């Protein structure tokens, strides 16, 4: 399934390039269609969606071993790892929606 989704994305982009040369697509389609072409790859993604928070931004999430107000708001959308003192944030579905 992973190879098929990669081939589908590649074929869609080749088709977009060919039709752009023939039909001279406007920019609004050239910006929208590549995001549609990446959807098969996103649907098959099984990897990690965790990120490491930069050192300078960690006090925004954890202070004195407790979650800050910003981290409590972020907890509604993502998972802040309290055992790692806020240095790891698991984005989960937010990552896939962002991509």
C-alpha atoms as a PDB file:
ATOM      1  CA  UNK A   1       0.000   0.000   0.000  1.00  0.00           C
ATOM      2  CA  UNK A   2       2.871   2.379   0.740  1.00  0.00           C
ATOM      3  CA  UNK A   3       4.423   1.857  -2.696  1.00  0.00           C
ATOM      4  CA  UNK A   4       1.065   2.300  -4.402  1.00  0.00           C
ATOM      5  CA  UNK A   5       0.418   5.573  -2.600  1.00  0.00           C
ATOM      6  CA  UNK A   6       3.878   6.845  -3.541  1.00  0.00           C
ATOM      7  CA  UNK A   7       3.331   5.868  -7.168  1.00  0.00           C
ATOM      8  CA  UNK A   8      -0.083   7.527  -7.157  1.00  0.00           C
ATOM      9  CA  UNK A   9       1.420  10.776  -5.846  1.00  0.00           C
ATOM     10  CA  UNK A  10       4.223  10.669  -8.418  1.00  0.00           C
ATOM     11  CA  UNK A  11       1.811   9.942 -11.260  1.00  0.00           C
ATOM     12  CA  UNK A  12      -0.493  12.747 -10.181  1.00  0.00           C
ATOM     13  CA  UNK A  13       2.389  15.229 -10.157  1.00  0.00           C
ATOM     14  CA  UNK A  14       3.612  14.034 -13.570  1.00  0.00           C
ATOM     15  CA  UNK A  15       0.093  14.454 -14.895  1.00  0.00           C
ATOM     16  CA  UNK A  16      -0.082  17.923 -13.364  1.00  0.00           C
ATOM     17  CA  UNK A  17       3.208  18.889 -15.028  1.00  0.00           C
ATOM     18  CA  UNK A  18       2.075  17.581 -18.403  1.00  0.00           C
ATOM     19  CA  UNK A  19      -1.319  19.260 -18.261  1.00  0.00           C
ATOM     20  CA  UNK A  20       0.291  22.502 -17.086  1.00  0.00           C
ATOM     21  CA  UNK A  21       2.490  22.535 -20.185  1.00  0.00           C
ATOM     22  CA  UNK A  22      -0.449  21.779 -22.468  1.00  0.00           C
ATOM     23  CA  UNK A  23      -3.241  23.790 -20.822  1.00  0.00           C
ATOM     24  CA  UNK A  24      -1.196  26.508 -19.062  1.00  0.00           C
ATOM     25  CA  UNK A  25      -2.958  26.207 -15.664  1.00  0.00           C
ATOM     26  CA  UNK A  26      -3.452  29.417 -13.616  1.00  0.00           C
ATOM     27  CA  UNK A  27      -1.404  29.785 -10.416  1.00  0.00           C
ATOM     28  CA  UNK A  28      -4.392  29.115  -8.159  1.00  0.00           C
ATOM     29  CA  UNK A  29      -4.545  25.520  -9.444  1.00  0.00           C
ATOM     30  CA  UNK A  30      -0.787  25.044  -9.321  1.00  0.00           C
ATOM     31  CA  UNK A  31      -0.813  25.890  -5.623  1.00  0.00           C
ATOM     32  CA  UNK A  32      -3.821  23.720  -4.713  1.00  0.00           C
ATOM     33  CA  UNK A  33      -3.250  20.522  -6.710  1.00  0.00           C
ATOM     34  CA  UNK A  34       0.117  19.485  -5.160  1.00  0.00           C
ATOM     35  CA  UNK A  35      -1.516  19.386  -1.740  1.00  0.00           C
ATOM     36  CA  UNK A  36      -4.157  17.045  -3.166  1.00  0.00           C
ATOM     37  CA  UNK A  37      -1.388  14.914  -4.680  1.00  0.00           C
ATOM     38  CA  UNK A  38       0.235  14.454  -1.267  1.00  0.00           C
ATOM     39  CA  UNK A  39      -2.938  13.040   0.339  1.00  0.00           C
ATOM     40  CA  UNK A  40      -2.191   9.375  -0.537  1.00  0.00           C
ATOM     41  CA  UNK A  41       1.173   9.655   1.212  1.00  0.00           C
ATOM     42  CA  UNK A  42      -0.379  11.218   4.306  1.00  0.00           C
ATOM     43  CA  UNK A  43      -3.054   8.530   4.523  1.00  0.00           C
ATOM     44  CA  UNK A  44      -0.411   5.789   4.649  1.00  0.00           C
ATOM     45  CA  UNK A  45       1.972   7.518   7.107  1.00  0.00           C
ATOM     46  CA  UNK A  46       2.631   5.355  10.181  1.00  0.00           C
ATOM     47  CA  UNK A  47       5.670   7.095  11.646  1.00  0.00           C
ATOM     48  CA  UNK A  48       6.177   9.228  14.718  1.00  0.00           C
ATOM     49  CA  UNK A  49       4.404  12.551  15.018  1.00  0.00           C
ATOM     50  CA  UNK A  50       6.398  13.756  18.029  1.00  0.00           C
ATOM     51  CA  UNK A  51       8.585  16.844  17.955  1.00  0.00           C
ATOM     52  CA  UNK A  52      11.329  18.043  20.287  1.00  0.00           C
ATOM     53  CA  UNK A  53      10.643  21.535  21.597  1.00  0.00           C
ATOM     54  CA  UNK A  54      13.619  23.930  21.337  1.00  0.00           C
ATOM     55  CA  UNK A  55      15.356  24.679  24.639  1.00  0.00           C
ATOM     56  CA  UNK A  56      14.405  28.355  24.494  1.00  0.00           C
ATOM     57  CA  UNK A  57      10.675  27.510  24.252  1.00  0.00           C
ATOM     58  CA  UNK A  58      10.489  24.813  26.948  1.00  0.00           C
ATOM     59  CA  UNK A  59       9.755  27.320  29.761  1.00  0.00           C
ATOM     60  CA  UNK A  60       6.592  28.256  27.860  1.00  0.00           C
ATOM     61  CA  UNK A  61       5.283  24.702  28.431  1.00  0.00           C
ATOM     62  CA  UNK A  62       6.723  23.655  31.809  1.00  0.00           C
ATOM     63  CA  UNK A  63       7.816  25.719  34.790  1.00  0.00           C
ATOM     64  CA  UNK A  64       8.919  24.173  38.105  1.00  0.00           C
ATOM     65  CA  UNK A  65       7.606  20.759  37.046  1.00  0.00           C
ATOM     66  CA  UNK A  66       4.090  22.068  36.379  1.00  0.00           C
ATOM     67  CA  UNK A  67       2.305  22.779  33.125  1.00  0.00           C
ATOM     68  CA  UNK A  68       1.908  26.459  32.275  1.00  0.00           C
ATOM     69  CA  UNK A  69      -1.350  27.981  31.042  1.00  0.00           C
ATOM     70  CA  UNK A  70      -0.163  27.726  27.442  1.00  0.00           C
ATOM     71  CA  UNK A  71       0.590  24.026  27.877  1.00  0.00           C
ATOM     72  CA  UNK A  72      -2.815  23.404  29.427  1.00  0.00           C
ATOM     73  CA  UNK A  73      -4.451  24.981  26.391  1.00  0.00           C
ATOM     74  CA  UNK A  74      -2.167  22.970  24.108  1.00  0.00           C
ATOM     75  CA  UNK A  75      -3.152  19.765  25.935  1.00  0.00           C
ATOM     76  CA  UNK A  76      -6.588  20.040  24.293  1.00  0.00           C
ATOM     77  CA  UNK A  77      -4.990  19.555  20.859  1.00  0.00           C
ATOM     78  CA  UNK A  78      -1.633  17.808  21.418  1.00  0.00           C
ATOM     79  CA  UNK A  79       0.037  15.741  24.135  1.00  0.00           C
ATOM     80  CA  UNK A  80       2.786  17.483  26.138  1.00  0.00           C
ATOM     81  CA  UNK A  81       5.074  14.914  27.802  1.00  0.00           C
ATOM     82  CA  UNK A  82       5.306  15.933  31.443  1.00  0.00           C
ATOM     83  CA  UNK A  83       7.925  13.257  32.217  1.00  0.00           C
ATOM     84  CA  UNK A  84      10.308  14.904  29.745  1.00  0.00           C
ATOM     85  CA  UNK A  85       9.702  18.372  31.285  1.00  0.00           C
ATOM     86  CA  UNK A  86       7.822  19.545  28.207  1.00  0.00           C
ATOM     87  CA  UNK A  87      10.659  18.836  25.803  1.00  0.00           C
ATOM     88  CA  UNK A  88       8.601  16.376  23.724  1.00  0.00           C
ATOM     89  CA  UNK A  89       5.210  17.161  22.198  1.00  0.00           C
ATOM     90  CA  UNK A  90       3.227  14.480  20.382  1.00  0.00           C
ATOM     91  CA  UNK A  91       1.183  16.177  17.673  1.00  0.00           C
ATOM     92  CA  UNK A  92      -0.863  13.145  16.576  1.00  0.00           C
ATOM     93  CA  UNK A  93      -3.634  14.045  14.128  1.00  0.00           C
ATOM     94  CA  UNK A  94      -2.716  17.736  14.281  1.00  0.00           C
ATOM     95  CA  UNK A  95       0.479  16.841  12.379  1.00  0.00           C
ATOM     96  CA  UNK A  96      -1.461  15.113   9.615  1.00  0.00           C
ATOM     97  CA  UNK A  97      -3.923  17.981   9.319  1.00  0.00           C
ATOM     98  CA  UNK A  98      -1.006  20.445   9.179  1.00  0.00           C
ATOM     99  CA  UNK A  99       0.723  18.532   6.452  1.00  0.00           C
END
